[in-house]
C-alpha atoms as a PDB file:
ATOM      1  CA  MET A   1     135.695 -97.819  81.294  1.00  0.00           C
ATOM      2  CA  THR A   2     135.745 -95.880  78.029  1.00  0.00           C
ATOM      3  CA  SER A   3     133.729 -97.547  75.264  1.00  0.00           C
ATOM      4  CA  SER A   4     135.214 -98.418  71.886  1.00  0.00           C
ATOM      5  CA  GLY A   5     132.898 -95.861  70.273  1.00  0.00           C
ATOM      6  CA  SER A   6     134.170 -93.129  72.572  1.00  0.00           C
ATOM      7  CA  LEU A   7     137.772 -94.140  71.924  1.00  0.00           C
ATOM      8  CA  THR A   8     137.080 -93.755  68.209  1.00  0.00           C
ATOM      9  CA  ARG A   9     135.578 -90.307  68.796  1.00  0.00           C
ATOM     10  CA  ILE A  10     138.557 -89.274  70.944  1.00  0.00           C
ATOM     11  CA  GLY A  11     140.886 -90.336  68.139  1.00  0.00           C
ATOM     12  CA  LEU A  12     138.796 -88.455  65.576  1.00  0.00           C
ATOM     13  CA  LEU A  13     138.753 -85.328  67.733  1.00  0.00           C
ATOM     14  CA  ALA A  14     142.532 -85.511  68.160  1.00  0.00           C
ATOM     15  CA  LEU A  15     142.842 -85.778  64.380  1.00  0.00           C
ATOM     16  CA  LEU A  16     140.528 -82.806  63.788  1.00  0.00           C
ATOM     17  CA  TRP A  17     142.225 -80.511  66.280  1.00  0.00           C
ATOM     18  CA  GLY A  18     145.736 -81.861  65.750  1.00  0.00           C
ATOM     19  CA  SER A  19     145.422 -81.319  62.002  1.00  0.00           C
ATOM     20  CA  SER A  20     144.321 -77.690  62.464  1.00  0.00           C
ATOM     21  CA  PHE A  21     147.950 -76.580  62.323  1.00  0.00           C
ATOM     22  CA  LEU A  22     148.416 -78.316  58.980  1.00  0.00           C
ATOM     23  CA  TRP A  23     145.340 -76.582  57.546  1.00  0.00           C
ATOM     24  CA  ILE A  24     146.568 -73.220  58.818  1.00  0.00           C
ATOM     25  CA  GLU A  25     149.929 -73.811  57.135  1.00  0.00           C
ATOM     26  CA  LEU A  26     148.217 -74.573  53.814  1.00  0.00           C
ATOM     27  CA  ALA A  27     145.682 -71.738  54.107  1.00  0.00           C
ATOM     28  CA  LEU A  28     148.502 -69.207  54.600  1.00  0.00           C
ATOM     29  CA  LYS A  29     149.478 -69.775  50.966  1.00  0.00           C
ATOM     30  CA  ALA A  30     146.283 -68.015  49.871  1.00  0.00           C
ATOM     31  CA  LEU A  31     145.096 -65.886  52.782  1.00  0.00           C
ATOM     32  CA  SER A  32     146.478 -63.684  55.553  1.00  0.00           C
ATOM     33  CA  PRO A  33     146.088 -64.741  59.213  1.00  0.00           C
ATOM     34  CA  VAL A  34     143.084 -62.455  59.798  1.00  0.00           C
ATOM     35  CA  GLN A  35     141.420 -63.585  56.566  1.00  0.00           C
ATOM     36  CA  ILE A  36     141.864 -67.233  57.582  1.00  0.00           C
ATOM     37  CA  VAL A  37     140.284 -66.569  60.963  1.00  0.00           C
ATOM     38  CA  PHE A  38     137.290 -64.824  59.387  1.00  0.00           C
ATOM     39  CA  VAL A  39     136.626 -67.792  57.096  1.00  0.00           C
ATOM     40  CA  ARG A  40     137.253 -70.234  59.935  1.00  0.00           C
ATOM     41  CA  VAL A  41     134.968 -68.729  62.575  1.00  0.00           C
ATOM     42  CA  GLY A  42     132.328 -67.780  60.012  1.00  0.00           C
ATOM     43  CA  LEU A  43     131.996 -71.348  58.746  1.00  0.00           C
ATOM     44  CA  GLY A  44     132.255 -72.685  62.288  1.00  0.00           C
ATOM     45  CA  ALA A  45     129.390 -70.407  63.335  1.00  0.00           C
ATOM     46  CA  LEU A  46     127.231 -71.557  60.407  1.00  0.00           C
ATOM     47  CA  VAL A  47     127.794 -75.208  61.324  1.00  0.00           C
ATOM     48  CA  LEU A  48     127.072 -74.700  65.027  1.00  0.00           C
ATOM     49  CA  VAL A  49     123.950 -72.589  64.442  1.00  0.00           C
ATOM     50  CA  ALA A  50     122.677 -75.228  62.003  1.00  0.00           C
ATOM     51  CA  ILE A  51     123.310 -77.907  64.646  1.00  0.00           C
ATOM     52  CA  CYS A  52     121.391 -75.867  67.232  1.00  0.00           C
ATOM     53  CA  LYS A  53     118.478 -75.502  64.822  1.00  0.00           C
ATOM     54  CA  ALA A  54     118.500 -79.230  64.053  1.00  0.00           C
ATOM     55  CA  MET A  55     118.587 -80.070  67.773  1.00  0.00           C
ATOM     56  CA  LYS A  56     115.997 -77.350  68.525  1.00  0.00           C
ATOM     57  CA  LEU A  57     118.340 -75.653  70.956  1.00  0.00           C
ATOM     58  CA  PRO A  58     117.878 -71.910  71.573  1.00  0.00           C
ATOM     59  CA  LEU A  59     120.736 -69.486  71.173  1.00  0.00           C
ATOM     60  CA  PRO A  60     121.946 -67.724  74.342  1.00  0.00           C
ATOM     61  CA  LYS A  61     119.756 -64.897  75.642  1.00  0.00           C
ATOM     62  CA  GLY A  62     120.453 -61.671  77.489  1.00  0.00           C
ATOM     63  CA  GLY A  63     122.845 -58.798  76.826  1.00  0.00           C
ATOM     64  CA  ARG A  64     125.110 -59.736  79.725  1.00  0.00           C
ATOM     65  CA  THR A  65     125.506 -63.285  78.408  1.00  0.00           C
ATOM     66  CA  TRP A  66     126.389 -62.020  74.941  1.00  0.00           C
ATOM     67  CA  MET A  67     128.926 -59.623  76.457  1.00  0.00           C
ATOM     68  CA  HIS A  68     130.595 -62.572  78.204  1.00  0.00           C
ATOM     69  CA  LEU A  69     130.471 -64.531  74.942  1.00  0.00           C
ATOM     70  CA  GLY A  70     132.238 -61.647  73.212  1.00  0.00           C
ATOM     71  CA  VAL A  71     135.081 -61.617  75.746  1.00  0.00           C
ATOM     72  CA  ALA A  72     135.353 -65.415  75.561  1.00  0.00           C
ATOM     73  CA  ALA A  73     135.416 -65.273  71.768  1.00  0.00           C
ATOM     74  CA  LEU A  74     138.216 -62.691  71.860  1.00  0.00           C
ATOM     75  CA  PHE A  75     140.516 -64.739  74.082  1.00  0.00           C
ATOM     76  CA  ALA A  76     139.530 -68.296  73.108  1.00  0.00           C
ATOM     77  CA  ASN A  77     139.067 -67.785  69.363  1.00  0.00           C
ATOM     78  CA  VAL A  78     139.957 -64.522  67.642  1.00  0.00           C
ATOM     79  CA  LEU A  79     143.257 -63.627  69.328  1.00  0.00           C
ATOM     80  CA  PRO A  80     144.784 -67.134  69.471  1.00  0.00           C
ATOM     81  CA  PHE A  81     143.610 -68.054  65.971  1.00  0.00           C
ATOM     82  CA  ILE A  82     145.269 -64.919  64.548  1.00  0.00           C
ATOM     83  CA  LEU A  83     148.444 -65.491  66.562  1.00  0.00           C
ATOM     84  CA  PHE A  84     148.720 -69.056  65.272  1.00  0.00           C
ATOM     85  CA  GLY A  85     148.511 -67.737  61.713  1.00  0.00           C
ATOM     86  CA  VAL A  86     151.174 -65.112  62.468  1.00  0.00           C
ATOM     87  CA  GLY A  87     153.413 -67.623  64.241  1.00  0.00           C
ATOM     88  CA  GLN A  88     153.144 -70.280  61.566  1.00  0.00           C
ATOM     89  CA  GLN A  89     154.537 -67.918  58.977  1.00  0.00           C
ATOM     90  CA  THR A  90     157.944 -68.784  60.471  1.00  0.00           C
ATOM     91  CA  VAL A  91     157.240 -71.867  62.635  1.00  0.00           C
ATOM     92  CA  GLY A  92     156.309 -75.297  61.284  1.00  0.00           C
ATOM     93  CA  SER A  93     152.879 -76.812  61.906  1.00  0.00           C
ATOM     94  CA  GLY A  94     154.313 -79.648  63.999  1.00  0.00           C
ATOM     95  CA  MET A  95     156.111 -77.346  66.413  1.00  0.00           C
ATOM     96  CA  ALA A  96     153.008 -75.129  66.592  1.00  0.00           C
ATOM     97  CA  GLY A  97     151.007 -78.130  67.759  1.00  0.00           C
ATOM     98  CA  VAL A  98     153.594 -78.986  70.387  1.00  0.00           C
ATOM     99  CA  LEU A  99     153.710 -75.414  71.744  1.00  0.00           C
ATOM    100  CA  ASN A 100     149.909 -75.361  71.809  1.00  0.00           C
ATOM    101  CA  ALA A 101     150.072 -78.296  74.240  1.00  0.00           C
ATOM    102  CA  THR A 102     151.227 -75.815  76.915  1.00  0.00           C
ATOM    103  CA  THR A 103     147.656 -74.454  77.150  1.00  0.00           C
ATOM    104  CA  PRO A 104     146.784 -76.499  80.289  1.00  0.00           C
ATOM    105  CA  LEU A 105     149.941 -75.186  81.976  1.00  0.00           C
ATOM    106  CA  TRP A 106     148.947 -71.571  81.343  1.00  0.00           C
ATOM    107  CA  THR A 107     145.378 -72.327  82.424  1.00  0.00           C
ATOM    108  CA  LEU A 108     146.606 -73.727  85.739  1.00  0.00           C
ATOM    109  CA  LEU A 109     148.841 -70.700  86.381  1.00  0.00           C
ATOM    110  CA  ILE A 110     146.015 -68.253  85.615  1.00  0.00           C
ATOM    111  CA  ALA A 111     143.492 -70.135  87.739  1.00  0.00           C
ATOM    112  CA  ALA A 112     145.972 -70.310  90.631  1.00  0.00           C
ATOM    113  CA  SER A 113     146.757 -66.588  90.404  1.00  0.00           C
ATOM    114  CA  LEU A 114     143.016 -65.831  90.637  1.00  0.00           C
ATOM    115  CA  GLY A 115     142.576 -68.123  93.608  1.00  0.00           C
ATOM    116  CA  GLN A 116     140.457 -70.613  91.668  1.00  0.00           C
ATOM    117  CA  GLU A 117     142.942 -73.450  92.031  1.00  0.00           C
ATOM    118  CA  LYS A 118     143.449 -74.503  95.637  1.00  0.00           C
ATOM    119  CA  SER A 119     145.181 -77.852  95.101  1.00  0.00           C
ATOM    120  CA  PHE A 120     148.711 -76.843  94.122  1.00  0.00           C
ATOM    121  CA  GLY A 121     150.945 -79.575  95.525  1.00  0.00           C
ATOM    122  CA  PRO A 122     154.545 -80.519  94.723  1.00  0.00           C
ATOM    123  CA  LEU A 123     153.590 -82.784  91.798  1.00  0.00           C
ATOM    124  CA  ARG A 124     151.747 -79.989  90.025  1.00  0.00           C
ATOM    125  CA  VAL A 125     154.641 -77.598  90.597  1.00  0.00           C
ATOM    126  CA  LEU A 126     156.974 -80.243  89.166  1.00  0.00           C
ATOM    127  CA  GLY A 127     154.628 -80.589  86.206  1.00  0.00           C
ATOM    128  CA  LEU A 128     154.824 -76.856  85.498  1.00  0.00           C
ATOM    129  CA  VAL A 129     158.615 -76.888  85.726  1.00  0.00           C
ATOM    130  CA  LEU A 130     158.853 -79.910  83.423  1.00  0.00           C
ATOM    131  CA  GLY A 131     156.321 -78.495  80.970  1.00  0.00           C
ATOM    132  CA  PHE A 132     158.063 -75.177  80.511  1.00  0.00           C
ATOM    133  CA  GLY A 133     161.443 -76.930  80.582  1.00  0.00           C
ATOM    134  CA  GLY A 134     160.216 -78.933  77.602  1.00  0.00           C
ATOM    135  CA  VAL A 135     159.358 -75.672  75.848  1.00  0.00           C
ATOM    136  CA  MET A 136     162.923 -74.452  76.348  1.00  0.00           C
ATOM    137  CA  LEU A 137     164.223 -77.722  74.919  1.00  0.00           C
ATOM    138  CA  ILE A 138     162.040 -77.206  71.851  1.00  0.00           C
ATOM    139  CA  PHE A 139     163.180 -73.583  71.508  1.00  0.00           C
ATOM    140  CA  ALA A 140     166.848 -74.541  71.998  1.00  0.00           C
ATOM    141  CA  PRO A 141     168.004 -70.899  71.883  1.00  0.00           C
ATOM    142  CA  TRP A 142     171.626 -72.084  72.091  1.00  0.00           C
ATOM    143  CA  ARG A 143     171.557 -73.690  68.627  1.00  0.00           C
ATOM    144  CA  ASP A 144     172.595 -71.880  65.436  1.00  0.00           C
ATOM    145  CA  GLY A 145     169.695 -70.279  63.535  1.00  0.00           C
ATOM    146  CA  ALA A 146     167.276 -70.509  66.471  1.00  0.00           C
ATOM    147  CA  GLY A 147     166.690 -66.755  66.519  1.00  0.00           C
ATOM    148  CA  SER A 148     164.625 -66.681  63.322  1.00  0.00           C
ATOM    149  CA  ALA A 149     161.933 -68.933  64.815  1.00  0.00           C
ATOM    150  CA  ILE A 150     161.721 -67.265  68.230  1.00  0.00           C
ATOM    151  CA  PRO A 151     159.244 -64.436  67.318  1.00  0.00           C
ATOM    152  CA  GLY A 152     156.835 -66.930  65.727  1.00  0.00           C
ATOM    153  CA  SER A 153     157.203 -69.332  68.637  1.00  0.00           C
ATOM    154  CA  ILE A 154     156.479 -66.550  71.106  1.00  0.00           C
ATOM    155  CA  ALA A 155     153.329 -65.657  69.135  1.00  0.00           C
ATOM    156  CA  ILE A 156     152.169 -69.274  69.436  1.00  0.00           C
ATOM    157  CA  LEU A 157     152.930 -69.398  73.161  1.00  0.00           C
ATOM    158  CA  VAL A 158     150.928 -66.190  73.634  1.00  0.00           C
ATOM    159  CA  ALA A 159     148.108 -67.889  71.701  1.00  0.00           C
ATOM    160  CA  ALA A 160     148.256 -70.815  74.139  1.00  0.00           C
ATOM    161  CA  LEU A 161     148.224 -68.314  77.030  1.00  0.00           C
ATOM    162  CA  SER A 162     145.175 -66.650  75.481  1.00  0.00           C
ATOM    163  CA  TYR A 163     143.421 -70.033  75.350  1.00  0.00           C
ATOM    164  CA  GLY A 164     144.126 -70.348  79.061  1.00  0.00           C
ATOM    165  CA  VAL A 165     142.601 -66.921  79.744  1.00  0.00           C
ATOM    166  CA  GLY A 166     139.563 -67.886  77.662  1.00  0.00           C
ATOM    167  CA  ALA A 167     139.128 -71.183  79.487  1.00  0.00           C
ATOM    168  CA  VAL A 168     139.227 -69.559  82.927  1.00  0.00           C
ATOM    169  CA  TYR A 169     136.891 -66.766  81.797  1.00  0.00           C
ATOM    170  CA  VAL A 170     134.346 -69.219  80.423  1.00  0.00           C
ATOM    171  CA  GLY A 171     134.551 -71.255  83.618  1.00  0.00           C
ATOM    172  CA  ARG A 172     133.826 -68.174  85.723  1.00  0.00           C
ATOM    173  CA  ASN A 173     131.174 -66.471  83.603  1.00  0.00           C
ATOM    174  CA  LEU A 174     129.497 -68.923  81.223  1.00  0.00           C
ATOM    175  CA  SER A 175     129.605 -72.395  82.767  1.00  0.00           C
ATOM    176  CA  GLY A 176     126.547 -73.553  84.662  1.00  0.00           C
ATOM    177  CA  ASN A 177     124.317 -70.664  83.536  1.00  0.00           C
ATOM    178  CA  GLY A 178     121.613 -72.978  82.217  1.00  0.00           C
ATOM    179  CA  THR A 179     122.467 -72.494  78.534  1.00  0.00           C
ATOM    180  CA  PRO A 180     123.109 -75.744  76.613  1.00  0.00           C
ATOM    181  CA  PRO A 181     126.848 -76.073  75.888  1.00  0.00           C
ATOM    182  CA  THR A 182     126.272 -76.363  72.123  1.00  0.00           C
ATOM    183  CA  SER A 183     124.254 -73.123  72.210  1.00  0.00           C
ATOM    184  CA  THR A 184     127.072 -71.436  74.137  1.00  0.00           C
ATOM    185  CA  ALA A 185     129.572 -72.626  71.530  1.00  0.00           C
ATOM    186  CA  ALA A 186     127.378 -71.314  68.707  1.00  0.00           C
ATOM    187  CA  GLY A 187     126.978 -67.943  70.411  1.00  0.00           C
ATOM    188  CA  GLN A 188     130.699 -67.698  71.069  1.00  0.00           C
ATOM    189  CA  MET A 189     131.484 -68.455  67.432  1.00  0.00           C
ATOM    190  CA  LEU A 190     128.954 -65.864  66.243  1.00  0.00           C
ATOM    191  CA  MET A 191     130.672 -63.257  68.409  1.00  0.00           C
ATOM    192  CA  ALA A 192     134.068 -64.389  67.076  1.00  0.00           C
ATOM    193  CA  THR A 193     132.770 -63.854  63.533  1.00  0.00           C
ATOM    194  CA  ALA A 194     131.502 -60.364  64.403  1.00  0.00           C
ATOM    195  CA  LEU A 195     134.773 -59.367  66.075  1.00  0.00           C
ATOM    196  CA  THR A 196     136.884 -60.651  63.180  1.00  0.00           C
ATOM    197  CA  GLY A 197     134.549 -58.917  60.715  1.00  0.00           C
ATOM    198  CA  VAL A 198     135.261 -55.593  62.458  1.00  0.00           C
ATOM    199  CA  LEU A 199     139.001 -56.312  62.372  1.00  0.00           C
ATOM    200  CA  LEU A 200     139.050 -57.431  58.720  1.00  0.00           C
ATOM    201  CA  PRO A 201     138.998 -53.937  57.076  1.00  0.00           C
ATOM    202  CA  VAL A 202     141.863 -52.850  59.358  1.00  0.00           C
ATOM    203  CA  ALA A 203     144.207 -55.865  59.460  1.00  0.00           C
ATOM    204  CA  GLY A 204     142.902 -58.176  56.742  1.00  0.00           C
ATOM    205  CA  THR A 205     143.370 -56.176  53.551  1.00  0.00           C
ATOM    206  CA  GLN A 206     146.377 -58.115  52.221  1.00  0.00           C
ATOM    207  CA  PRO A 207     146.079 -59.424  48.639  1.00  0.00           C
ATOM    208  CA  VAL A 208     144.243 -62.735  48.312  1.00  0.00           C
ATOM    209  CA  HIS A 209     145.961 -65.358  46.152  1.00  0.00           C
ATOM    210  CA  TRP A 210     142.886 -66.680  44.354  1.00  0.00           C
ATOM    211  CA  GLU A 211     144.940 -69.040  42.216  1.00  0.00           C
ATOM    212  CA  VAL A 212     145.964 -71.123  45.247  1.00  0.00           C
ATOM    213  CA  THR A 213     142.759 -73.142  45.537  1.00  0.00           C
ATOM    214  CA  SER A 214     144.294 -75.540  48.049  1.00  0.00           C
ATOM    215  CA  GLY A 215     144.542 -72.635  50.504  1.00  0.00           C
ATOM    216  CA  PHE A 216     140.801 -71.966  50.305  1.00  0.00           C
ATOM    217  CA  VAL A 217     140.015 -75.658  50.654  1.00  0.00           C
ATOM    218  CA  ALA A 218     142.239 -75.792  53.745  1.00  0.00           C
ATOM    219  CA  ALA A 219     140.490 -72.758  55.285  1.00  0.00           C
ATOM    220  CA  ALA A 220     137.090 -74.326  54.585  1.00  0.00           C
ATOM    221  CA  VAL A 221     138.118 -77.639  56.164  1.00  0.00           C
ATOM    222  CA  LEU A 222     139.471 -75.726  59.160  1.00  0.00           C
ATOM    223  CA  GLY A 223     136.157 -73.921  59.617  1.00  0.00           C
ATOM    224  CA  VAL A 224     133.681 -76.727  58.974  1.00  0.00           C
ATOM    225  CA  PHE A 225     135.520 -79.664  60.526  1.00  0.00           C
ATOM    226  CA  GLY A 226     138.262 -78.228  62.772  1.00  0.00           C
ATOM    227  CA  THR A 227     135.999 -75.593  64.338  1.00  0.00           C
ATOM    228  CA  GLY A 228     132.338 -76.446  63.769  1.00  0.00           C
ATOM    229  CA  LEU A 229     131.829 -80.216  63.796  1.00  0.00           C
ATOM    230  CA  SER A 230     134.641 -80.759  66.307  1.00  0.00           C
ATOM    231  CA  PHE A 231     132.621 -78.780  68.882  1.00  0.00           C
ATOM    232  CA  LEU A 232     129.691 -81.171  68.496  1.00  0.00           C
ATOM    233  CA  LEU A 233     132.008 -84.171  68.804  1.00  0.00           C
ATOM    234  CA  PHE A 234     133.633 -82.658  71.888  1.00  0.00           C
ATOM    235  CA  PHE A 235     130.345 -82.101  73.692  1.00  0.00           C
ATOM    236  CA  ARG A 236     129.136 -85.590  72.783  1.00  0.00           C
ATOM    237  CA  LEU A 237     132.259 -87.000  74.439  1.00  0.00           C
ATOM    238  CA  ILE A 238     131.729 -84.839  77.519  1.00  0.00           C
ATOM    239  CA  ALA A 239     128.179 -86.196  77.812  1.00  0.00           C
ATOM    240  CA  ASP A 240     129.222 -89.838  77.249  1.00  0.00           C
ATOM    241  CA  GLU A 241     132.500 -90.082  79.152  1.00  0.00           C
ATOM    242  CA  GLY A 242     132.924 -86.942  81.232  1.00  0.00           C
ATOM    243  CA  ALA A 243     135.665 -84.315  81.133  1.00  0.00           C
ATOM    244  CA  THR A 244     138.451 -86.542  82.487  1.00  0.00           C
ATOM    245  CA  ALA A 245     138.372 -89.078  79.664  1.00  0.00           C
ATOM    246  CA  THR A 246     137.697 -86.408  77.036  1.00  0.00           C
ATOM    247  CA  THR A 247     140.788 -84.362  77.900  1.00  0.00           C
ATOM    248  CA  THR A 248     142.893 -87.347  76.824  1.00  0.00           C
ATOM    249  CA  VAL A 249     142.762 -85.602  73.458  1.00  0.00           C
ATOM    250  CA  THR A 250     145.181 -83.002  74.882  1.00  0.00           C
ATOM    251  CA  TYR A 251     147.985 -85.563  74.853  1.00  0.00           C
ATOM    252  CA  LEU A 252     147.223 -86.816  71.341  1.00  0.00           C
ATOM    253  CA  MET A 253     147.010 -83.472  69.513  1.00  0.00           C
ATOM    254  CA  PRO A 254     150.754 -82.666  69.412  1.00  0.00           C
ATOM    255  CA  VAL A 255     151.508 -86.193  68.231  1.00  0.00           C
ATOM    256  CA  VAL A 256     149.057 -85.695  65.347  1.00  0.00           C
ATOM    257  CA  SER A 257     150.430 -82.263  64.440  1.00  0.00           C
ATOM    258  CA  VAL A 258     154.056 -83.452  64.449  1.00  0.00           C
ATOM    259  CA  ALA A 259     153.241 -86.557  62.404  1.00  0.00           C
ATOM    260  CA  LEU A 260     151.208 -84.645  59.789  1.00  0.00           C
ATOM    261  CA  GLY A 261     153.823 -81.904  59.561  1.00  0.00           C
ATOM    262  CA  ALA A 262     156.534 -84.489  58.868  1.00  0.00           C
ATOM    263  CA  ILE A 263     154.497 -86.683  56.500  1.00  0.00           C
ATOM    264  CA  VAL A 264     152.505 -84.095  54.531  1.00  0.00           C
ATOM    265  CA  LEU A 265     154.750 -81.015  54.629  1.00  0.00           C
ATOM    266  CA  GLY A 266     158.127 -82.705  55.010  1.00  0.00           C
ATOM    267  CA  GLU A 267     158.940 -80.750  58.178  1.00  0.00           C
ATOM    268  CA  GLU A 268     162.035 -81.739  60.108  1.00  0.00           C
ATOM    269  CA  LEU A 269     161.331 -84.139  62.952  1.00  0.00           C
ATOM    270  CA  SER A 270     164.382 -83.887  65.199  1.00  0.00           C
ATOM    271  CA  VAL A 271     165.055 -85.974  68.272  1.00  0.00           C
ATOM    272  CA  ARG A 272     165.229 -82.768  70.319  1.00  0.00           C
ATOM    273  CA  VAL A 273     161.688 -81.706  69.344  1.00  0.00           C
ATOM    274  CA  VAL A 274     160.302 -85.193  70.005  1.00  0.00           C
ATOM    275  CA  ILE A 275     161.920 -85.293  73.464  1.00  0.00           C
ATOM    276  CA  GLY A 276     160.695 -81.769  74.176  1.00  0.00           C
ATOM    277  CA  MET A 277     157.168 -82.786  73.162  1.00  0.00           C
ATOM    278  CA  LEU A 278     157.238 -85.784  75.503  1.00  0.00           C
ATOM    279  CA  VAL A 279     158.520 -83.625  78.368  1.00  0.00           C
ATOM    280  CA  VAL A 280     155.731 -81.071  77.792  1.00  0.00           C
ATOM    281  CA  ILE A 281     153.066 -83.792  77.693  1.00  0.00           C
ATOM    282  CA  GLY A 282     154.522 -85.373  80.838  1.00  0.00           C
ATOM    283  CA  GLY A 283     154.414 -82.019  82.594  1.00  0.00           C
ATOM    284  CA  VAL A 284     150.782 -81.499  81.569  1.00  0.00           C
ATOM    285  CA  MET A 285     149.882 -84.947  82.906  1.00  0.00           C
ATOM    286  CA  LEU A 286     151.410 -84.120  86.296  1.00  0.00           C
ATOM    287  CA  THR A 287     149.466 -80.862  86.534  1.00  0.00           C
ATOM    288  CA  ARG A 288     146.107 -82.554  85.994  1.00  0.00           C
ATOM    289  CA  PRO A 289     143.950 -82.684  89.140  1.00  0.00           C
ATOM    290  CA  ARG A 290     143.098 -86.166  90.333  1.00  0.00           C
ATOM    291  CA  ARG A 291     139.406 -85.394  90.542  1.00  0.00           C
ATOM    292  CA  PRO A 292     138.437 -82.685  88.044  1.00  0.00           C
ATOM    293  CA  LYS A 293     135.270 -80.927  89.171  1.00  0.00           C
ATOM    294  CA  VAL A 294     134.501 -78.723  86.200  1.00  0.00           C
ATOM    295  CA  ALA A 295     133.681 -79.932  82.688  1.00  0.00           C
ATOM    296  CA  LEU A 296     135.230 -77.943  79.869  1.00  0.00           C
ATOM    297  CA  THR A 297     132.868 -75.789  77.831  1.00  0.00           C
ATOM    298  CA  VAL A 298     135.292 -74.835  75.110  1.00  0.00           C
ATOM    299  CA  PRO A 299     137.705 -77.107  73.280  1.00  0.00           C
ATOM    300  CA  PRO A 300     141.097 -77.900  74.700  1.00  0.00           C
ATOM    301  CA  VAL A 301     143.168 -76.459  71.107  1.00  0.00           C
ATOM    302  CA  GLU A 302     141.253 -74.720  70.979  1.00  0.00           C
ATOM    303  CA  THR A 303     141.682 -74.778  75.244  1.00  0.00           C
ATOM    304  CA  ALA A 304     142.628 -78.407  76.021  1.00  0.00           C
ATOM    305  CA  ARG A 305     142.827 -74.985  71.447  1.00  0.00           C
ATOM    306  CA  ALA A 306     139.924 -75.362  76.221  1.00  0.00           C
ATOM    307  CA  THR A 307     139.663 -74.249  73.052  1.00  0.00           C
ATOM    308  CA  SER A 308     140.816 -73.719  70.122  1.00  0.00           C
ATOM    309  CA  GLU A 309     143.185 -72.805  65.249  1.00  0.00           C
END
């Protein structure tokens, strides 16, 4: 039975990751997508390294491990974080959160295609069909004006797919290697910072709107709380309650993103999107294995965002 303290932490984690889409929306007023990611992963890395130092945990060792961390950072952090920024230039934060909820569906498909997922019964197939059917309901390509949001929505779906790739990669190459999970997270975020730093002079040279201070505050909150401290909270939940209870946050994140988008940003909350969200969440629930054997090592948003932005 999940304790009241753990329930509180699950709710807080859902708020942190579910609100990431709101912070991205606000940060876009001052920074470009690549600039936001650089601030986000840089601050996240500082927080996680500081936590490792405080807990006296060593950073990962070995060139091979750091190579794997670099690949994981690319697919679980850099690429999806940038794609969310690109997508949210035309798609609202609430819908971005709902589309992000397809991450477990992509993860299951990737794992099954690689032969890592043996239990693929009728219920899980039904869950996939329902989940992606919910996405089509959210897209509603038959409605007038739907075309303008399709490119951004596709970018967000590719971000969710990238989270799935990152989750499977971490499971195959970084889980169970003897490195403390918090150290792995810190190393992954350091590699994400390095990769984004290389990309910044090429794709992050857009003018910065220094006068929009709220955008910088949003990027800082996204890095410190939505990326750094949320990792620590996630791993604490894994240790206290196990992966099964912790992944409950997957179902709460889109609810948080839709609610904040409607309340804070005044985004439209249509019946169609709400129904589509419920169908997606229902599909994800059906695809969950009855007895998960592997604990997540990266966040679900950020892959559960798994990761995340």
